Amino acid sequence: MSGSYELPFGKGRRFFSRQTGWGSEIASGWTLNAIETARSGLPFTPQLSFNPSNNGDTHNSVRPSFNPAYKGPVILGGPNKYFNPSAFIVPANGTFGNVGRNTLTGPGLEGLDLSLFKDTSLTQKINVELRAEFFNAFNRPNLNTPNLIVFTQPAGIPATTAGVITSTSTNARQIQFGLKLLW
């Protein structure tokens, strides 16, 4: 979702309309812009780092099976353990796991980018635009997909990094200022 709003300041506007000279130039020509991004998380598939099916295929990842004894939420949501590896077990040797492809959903993403522009006319043909832009204005950490590898060995002991998120999918807040000359 995005929007642009000309602020009601300066000549012919609701506020500071009686300003003249430099006061009018400073008060006029302000525009506020916003872009809000919100989306659900991307689907992902828990995986094994070995192939208990013994089919020799090294290109397709092998999935674990759901643990029938596990009760509780699979998605925990935190960066230190986004999903609970106890919800899965190693499939029996010579078989494939029963967890479907893209069964789990990763963290969502939200971000607000703001900008404030000031247009000033220097002459009839020359304008100056001052810009202040704020990307990820509220500095929200958008988490990346967690580590997908649940088991690294057939013993059935979950990997210590299973479900751990080690990065973000967007940058931290960034601010930039600019000056543009239009003729």
C-alpha atoms as a PDB file:
ATOM      1  CA  MET A   1       0.000   0.000   0.000  1.00  0.00           C
ATOM      2  CA  SER A   2       1.339   3.431  -0.833  1.00  0.00           C
ATOM      3  CA  GLY A   3       0.196   6.994  -0.586  1.00  0.00           C
ATOM      4  CA  SER A   4       1.232  10.564  -1.166  1.00  0.00           C
ATOM      5  CA  TYR A   5      -0.095  13.626   0.663  1.00  0.00           C
ATOM      6  CA  GLU A   6       0.596  17.267  -0.126  1.00  0.00           C
ATOM      7  CA  LEU A   7       0.832  18.952   3.254  1.00  0.00           C
ATOM      8  CA  PRO A   8      -1.615  21.885   3.670  1.00  0.00           C
ATOM      9  CA  PHE A   9       1.030  24.548   4.349  1.00  0.00           C
ATOM     10  CA  GLY A  10       1.783  27.788   2.520  1.00  0.00           C
ATOM     11  CA  LYS A  11       0.252  29.929  -0.153  1.00  0.00           C
ATOM     12  CA  GLY A  12      -3.331  28.926  -1.005  1.00  0.00           C
ATOM     13  CA  ARG A  13      -3.376  26.237   1.726  1.00  0.00           C
ATOM     14  CA  ARG A  14      -5.076  25.881   5.085  1.00  0.00           C
ATOM     15  CA  PHE A  15      -2.051  26.668   7.275  1.00  0.00           C
ATOM     16  CA  PHE A  16       0.464  29.522   6.934  1.00  0.00           C
ATOM     17  CA  SER A  17      -1.413  30.864   3.902  1.00  0.00           C
ATOM     18  CA  ARG A  18      -0.678  34.488   4.854  1.00  0.00           C
ATOM     19  CA  GLN A  19       3.078  34.050   4.754  1.00  0.00           C
ATOM     20  CA  THR A  20       4.887  36.128   2.145  1.00  0.00           C
ATOM     21  CA  GLY A  21       8.394  36.161   0.691  1.00  0.00           C
ATOM     22  CA  TRP A  22      10.804  33.612   2.134  1.00  0.00           C
ATOM     23  CA  GLY A  23       8.258  32.584   4.776  1.00  0.00           C
ATOM     24  CA  SER A  24       5.876  31.508   2.022  1.00  0.00           C
ATOM     25  CA  GLU A  25       8.665  29.637   0.185  1.00  0.00           C
ATOM     26  CA  ILE A  26       9.680  27.755   3.338  1.00  0.00           C
ATOM     27  CA  ALA A  27       6.082  26.819   4.266  1.00  0.00           C
ATOM     28  CA  SER A  28       4.957  25.748   0.767  1.00  0.00           C
ATOM     29  CA  GLY A  29       5.636  22.683  -1.354  1.00  0.00           C
ATOM     30  CA  TRP A  30       5.861  19.872   1.224  1.00  0.00           C
ATOM     31  CA  THR A  31       4.780  16.317   0.307  1.00  0.00           C
ATOM     32  CA  LEU A  32       4.731  13.261   2.570  1.00  0.00           C
ATOM     33  CA  ASN A  33       4.952   9.827   0.933  1.00  0.00           C
ATOM     34  CA  ALA A  34       4.602   6.378   2.480  1.00  0.00           C
ATOM     35  CA  ILE A  35       4.936   2.781   1.316  1.00  0.00           C
ATOM     36  CA  GLU A  36       3.711   0.050   3.688  1.00  0.00           C
ATOM     37  CA  THR A  37       4.693  -3.524   2.914  1.00  0.00           C
ATOM     38  CA  ALA A  38       3.082  -6.454   4.721  1.00  0.00           C
ATOM     39  CA  ARG A  39       3.135 -10.073   3.675  1.00  0.00           C
ATOM     40  CA  SER A  40       2.839 -13.473   5.203  1.00  0.00           C
ATOM     41  CA  GLY A  41       5.890 -15.670   5.474  1.00  0.00           C
ATOM     42  CA  LEU A  42       7.217 -17.869   2.702  1.00  0.00           C
ATOM     43  CA  PRO A  43       6.585 -21.619   2.854  1.00  0.00           C
ATOM     44  CA  PHE A  44       9.520 -23.892   3.617  1.00  0.00           C
ATOM     45  CA  THR A  45      10.274 -27.575   4.032  1.00  0.00           C
ATOM     46  CA  PRO A  46      12.143 -29.162   6.966  1.00  0.00           C
ATOM     47  CA  GLN A  47      14.964 -31.367   5.675  1.00  0.00           C
ATOM     48  CA  LEU A  48      17.537 -33.992   6.540  1.00  0.00           C
ATOM     49  CA  SER A  49      21.205 -33.616   5.637  1.00  0.00           C
ATOM     50  CA  PHE A  50      21.458 -37.333   4.779  1.00  0.00           C
ATOM     51  CA  ASN A  51      19.366 -39.737   2.688  1.00  0.00           C
ATOM     52  CA  PRO A  52      17.729 -42.565   4.680  1.00  0.00           C
ATOM     53  CA  SER A  53      15.803 -43.667   1.573  1.00  0.00           C
ATOM     54  CA  ASN A  54      19.126 -44.863   0.074  1.00  0.00           C
ATOM     55  CA  ASN A  55      17.857 -44.088  -3.440  1.00  0.00           C
ATOM     56  CA  GLY A  56      21.113 -42.379  -4.445  1.00  0.00           C
ATOM     57  CA  ASP A  57      19.414 -39.076  -5.345  1.00  0.00           C
ATOM     58  CA  THR A  58      21.609 -36.260  -4.045  1.00  0.00           C
ATOM     59  CA  HIS A  59      19.669 -33.449  -5.786  1.00  0.00           C
ATOM     60  CA  ASN A  60      16.354 -33.629  -3.929  1.00  0.00           C
ATOM     61  CA  SER A  61      16.306 -32.981  -0.234  1.00  0.00           C
ATOM     62  CA  VAL A  62      14.883 -35.691   1.991  1.00  0.00           C
ATOM     63  CA  ARG A  63      12.210 -34.694   4.464  1.00  0.00           C
ATOM     64  CA  PRO A  64      11.654 -36.005   7.982  1.00  0.00           C
ATOM     65  CA  SER A  65       8.448 -37.596   9.233  1.00  0.00           C
ATOM     66  CA  PHE A  66       6.044 -36.053  11.698  1.00  0.00           C
ATOM     67  CA  ASN A  67       6.502 -37.342  15.243  1.00  0.00           C
ATOM     68  CA  PRO A  68       3.195 -39.048  16.160  1.00  0.00           C
ATOM     69  CA  ALA A  69       3.987 -38.653  19.880  1.00  0.00           C
ATOM     70  CA  TYR A  70       4.488 -34.874  19.634  1.00  0.00           C
ATOM     71  CA  LYS A  71       1.722 -32.664  20.987  1.00  0.00           C
ATOM     72  CA  GLY A  72       1.964 -28.897  20.781  1.00  0.00           C
ATOM     73  CA  PRO A  73       2.702 -26.166  18.298  1.00  0.00           C
ATOM     74  CA  VAL A  74       5.262 -26.858  15.580  1.00  0.00           C
ATOM     75  CA  ILE A  75       5.905 -23.160  14.921  1.00  0.00           C
ATOM     76  CA  LEU A  76       7.287 -21.443  18.026  1.00  0.00           C
ATOM     77  CA  GLY A  77       8.109 -18.158  16.276  1.00  0.00           C
ATOM     78  CA  GLY A  78      11.285 -17.035  18.024  1.00  0.00           C
ATOM     79  CA  PRO A  79      14.637 -16.533  16.288  1.00  0.00           C
ATOM     80  CA  ASN A  80      16.437 -19.026  18.567  1.00  0.00           C
ATOM     81  CA  LYS A  81      14.005 -21.825  17.707  1.00  0.00           C
ATOM     82  CA  TYR A  82      11.437 -20.842  15.080  1.00  0.00           C
ATOM     83  CA  PHE A  83      10.072 -24.385  14.809  1.00  0.00           C
ATOM     84  CA  ASN A  84      10.301 -27.221  17.295  1.00  0.00           C
ATOM     85  CA  PRO A  85      12.507 -30.030  15.946  1.00  0.00           C
ATOM     86  CA  SER A  86      10.846 -32.425  18.417  1.00  0.00           C
ATOM     87  CA  ALA A  87       7.812 -32.381  16.119  1.00  0.00           C
ATOM     88  CA  PHE A  88       9.801 -34.522  13.649  1.00  0.00           C
ATOM     89  CA  ILE A  89      11.520 -37.910  13.571  1.00  0.00           C
ATOM     90  CA  VAL A  90      13.973 -39.572  11.186  1.00  0.00           C
ATOM     91  CA  PRO A  91      12.086 -41.821   8.747  1.00  0.00           C
ATOM     92  CA  ALA A  92      12.821 -45.536   8.844  1.00  0.00           C
ATOM     93  CA  ASN A  93      15.802 -46.662   6.778  1.00  0.00           C
ATOM     94  CA  GLY A  94      14.810 -47.240   3.156  1.00  0.00           C
ATOM     95  CA  THR A  95      11.755 -44.957   3.347  1.00  0.00           C
ATOM     96  CA  PHE A  96      10.863 -41.334   2.682  1.00  0.00           C
ATOM     97  CA  GLY A  97       9.566 -38.940   5.327  1.00  0.00           C
ATOM     98  CA  ASN A  98       5.880 -37.995   5.424  1.00  0.00           C
ATOM     99  CA  VAL A  99       6.317 -34.227   5.859  1.00  0.00           C
ATOM    100  CA  GLY A 100       4.973 -32.542   2.750  1.00  0.00           C
ATOM    101  CA  ARG A 101       6.818 -30.017   0.644  1.00  0.00           C
ATOM    102  CA  ASN A 102       6.428 -26.394   1.877  1.00  0.00           C
ATOM    103  CA  THR A 103       4.444 -27.541   4.926  1.00  0.00           C
ATOM    104  CA  LEU A 104       5.649 -24.803   7.276  1.00  0.00           C
ATOM    105  CA  THR A 105       5.413 -21.034   6.875  1.00  0.00           C
ATOM    106  CA  GLY A 106       8.292 -18.745   7.759  1.00  0.00           C
ATOM    107  CA  PRO A 107       8.169 -15.346   9.459  1.00  0.00           C
ATOM    108  CA  GLY A 108       6.147 -12.589   7.825  1.00  0.00           C
ATOM    109  CA  LEU A 109       7.502  -9.262   6.655  1.00  0.00           C
ATOM    110  CA  GLU A 110       6.413  -5.731   7.524  1.00  0.00           C
ATOM    111  CA  GLY A 111       8.029  -2.441   6.666  1.00  0.00           C
ATOM    112  CA  LEU A 112       7.222   1.228   6.352  1.00  0.00           C
ATOM    113  CA  ASP A 113       9.210   3.521   4.073  1.00  0.00           C
ATOM    114  CA  LEU A 114       8.608   7.263   4.469  1.00  0.00           C
ATOM    115  CA  SER A 115       9.794  10.270   2.529  1.00  0.00           C
ATOM    116  CA  LEU A 116       9.360  14.011   2.852  1.00  0.00           C
ATOM    117  CA  PHE A 117       9.873  16.184  -0.216  1.00  0.00           C
ATOM    118  CA  LYS A 118      10.092  19.965  -0.432  1.00  0.00           C
ATOM    119  CA  ASP A 119       9.683  21.542  -3.884  1.00  0.00           C
ATOM    120  CA  THR A 120      10.843  25.130  -4.306  1.00  0.00           C
ATOM    121  CA  SER A 121      10.693  27.159  -7.491  1.00  0.00           C
ATOM    122  CA  LEU A 122      13.867  29.225  -7.989  1.00  0.00           C
ATOM    123  CA  THR A 123      12.840  30.672 -11.344  1.00  0.00           C
ATOM    124  CA  GLN A 124      10.064  29.973 -13.820  1.00  0.00           C
ATOM    125  CA  LYS A 125      12.083  27.060 -15.289  1.00  0.00           C
ATOM    126  CA  ILE A 126      14.302  25.935 -12.397  1.00  0.00           C
ATOM    127  CA  ASN A 127      13.068  24.002  -9.332  1.00  0.00           C
ATOM    128  CA  VAL A 128      14.905  22.537  -6.350  1.00  0.00           C
ATOM    129  CA  GLU A 129      13.683  19.428  -4.570  1.00  0.00           C
ATOM    130  CA  LEU A 130      14.915  18.597  -1.056  1.00  0.00           C
ATOM    131  CA  ARG A 131      14.332  15.006  -0.008  1.00  0.00           C
ATOM    132  CA  ALA A 132      14.500  13.069   3.237  1.00  0.00           C
ATOM    133  CA  GLU A 133      13.887   9.325   2.881  1.00  0.00           C
ATOM    134  CA  PHE A 134      13.514   6.749   5.656  1.00  0.00           C
ATOM    135  CA  PHE A 135      13.624   3.080   4.667  1.00  0.00           C
ATOM    136  CA  ASN A 136      12.299   0.641   7.297  1.00  0.00           C
ATOM    137  CA  ALA A 137      11.371   3.741   9.308  1.00  0.00           C
ATOM    138  CA  PHE A 138      10.486   1.850  12.513  1.00  0.00           C
ATOM    139  CA  ASN A 139      13.580  -0.376  12.242  1.00  0.00           C
ATOM    140  CA  ARG A 140      11.535  -3.584  12.400  1.00  0.00           C
ATOM    141  CA  PRO A 141      13.677  -6.734  12.226  1.00  0.00           C
ATOM    142  CA  ASN A 142      12.173  -8.979   9.528  1.00  0.00           C
ATOM    143  CA  LEU A 143      13.478 -12.464  10.171  1.00  0.00           C
ATOM    144  CA  ASN A 144      14.687 -14.715   7.364  1.00  0.00           C
ATOM    145  CA  THR A 145      13.769 -18.373   6.879  1.00  0.00           C
ATOM    146  CA  PRO A 146      15.097 -20.614   9.680  1.00  0.00           C
ATOM    147  CA  ASN A 147      17.736 -23.313   9.275  1.00  0.00           C
ATOM    148  CA  LEU A 148      15.838 -26.117   7.525  1.00  0.00           C
ATOM    149  CA  ILE A 149      18.058 -29.047   8.563  1.00  0.00           C
ATOM    150  CA  VAL A 150      16.352 -30.930  11.391  1.00  0.00           C
ATOM    151  CA  PHE A 151      18.620 -33.998  11.563  1.00  0.00           C
ATOM    152  CA  THR A 152      22.230 -34.412  10.480  1.00  0.00           C
ATOM    153  CA  GLN A 153      22.593 -38.093  11.402  1.00  0.00           C
ATOM    154  CA  PRO A 154      20.374 -41.191  11.499  1.00  0.00           C
ATOM    155  CA  ALA A 155      20.533 -41.390  15.296  1.00  0.00           C
ATOM    156  CA  GLY A 156      17.495 -39.101  15.494  1.00  0.00           C
ATOM    157  CA  ILE A 157      19.070 -36.378  17.605  1.00  0.00           C
ATOM    158  CA  PRO A 158      17.965 -32.965  16.280  1.00  0.00           C
ATOM    159  CA  ALA A 159      20.675 -30.651  15.005  1.00  0.00           C
ATOM    160  CA  THR A 160      21.485 -27.870  17.479  1.00  0.00           C
ATOM    161  CA  THR A 161      20.817 -25.293  14.764  1.00  0.00           C
ATOM    162  CA  ALA A 162      17.456 -26.748  13.643  1.00  0.00           C
ATOM    163  CA  GLY A 163      14.928 -23.917  13.380  1.00  0.00           C
ATOM    164  CA  VAL A 164      17.469 -21.229  14.289  1.00  0.00           C
ATOM    165  CA  ILE A 165      17.228 -17.941  12.371  1.00  0.00           C
ATOM    166  CA  THR A 166      20.586 -16.289  11.819  1.00  0.00           C
ATOM    167  CA  SER A 167      19.725 -13.383   9.521  1.00  0.00           C
ATOM    168  CA  THR A 168      17.114 -10.843   8.551  1.00  0.00           C
ATOM    169  CA  SER A 169      15.390 -10.518   5.179  1.00  0.00           C
ATOM    170  CA  THR A 170      15.482  -6.714   5.085  1.00  0.00           C
ATOM    171  CA  ASN A 171      17.995  -4.060   6.048  1.00  0.00           C
ATOM    172  CA  ALA A 172      17.932  -2.081   9.255  1.00  0.00           C
ATOM    173  CA  ARG A 173      16.654   1.499   9.107  1.00  0.00           C
ATOM    174  CA  GLN A 174      18.384   3.572   6.458  1.00  0.00           C
ATOM    175  CA  ILE A 175      18.060   7.337   6.095  1.00  0.00           C
ATOM    176  CA  GLN A 176      19.166   9.397   3.144  1.00  0.00           C
ATOM    177  CA  PHE A 177      18.942  13.033   2.213  1.00  0.00           C
ATOM    178  CA  GLY A 178      19.054  14.434  -1.273  1.00  0.00           C
ATOM    179  CA  LEU A 179      18.959  17.625  -3.268  1.00  0.00           C
ATOM    180  CA  LYS A 180      17.674  17.603  -6.818  1.00  0.00           C
ATOM    181  CA  LEU A 181      17.881  20.426  -9.318  1.00  0.00           C
ATOM    182  CA  LEU A 182      15.163  20.326 -12.018  1.00  0.00           C
ATOM    183  CA  TRP A 183      15.273  22.462 -15.144  1.00  0.00           C
END
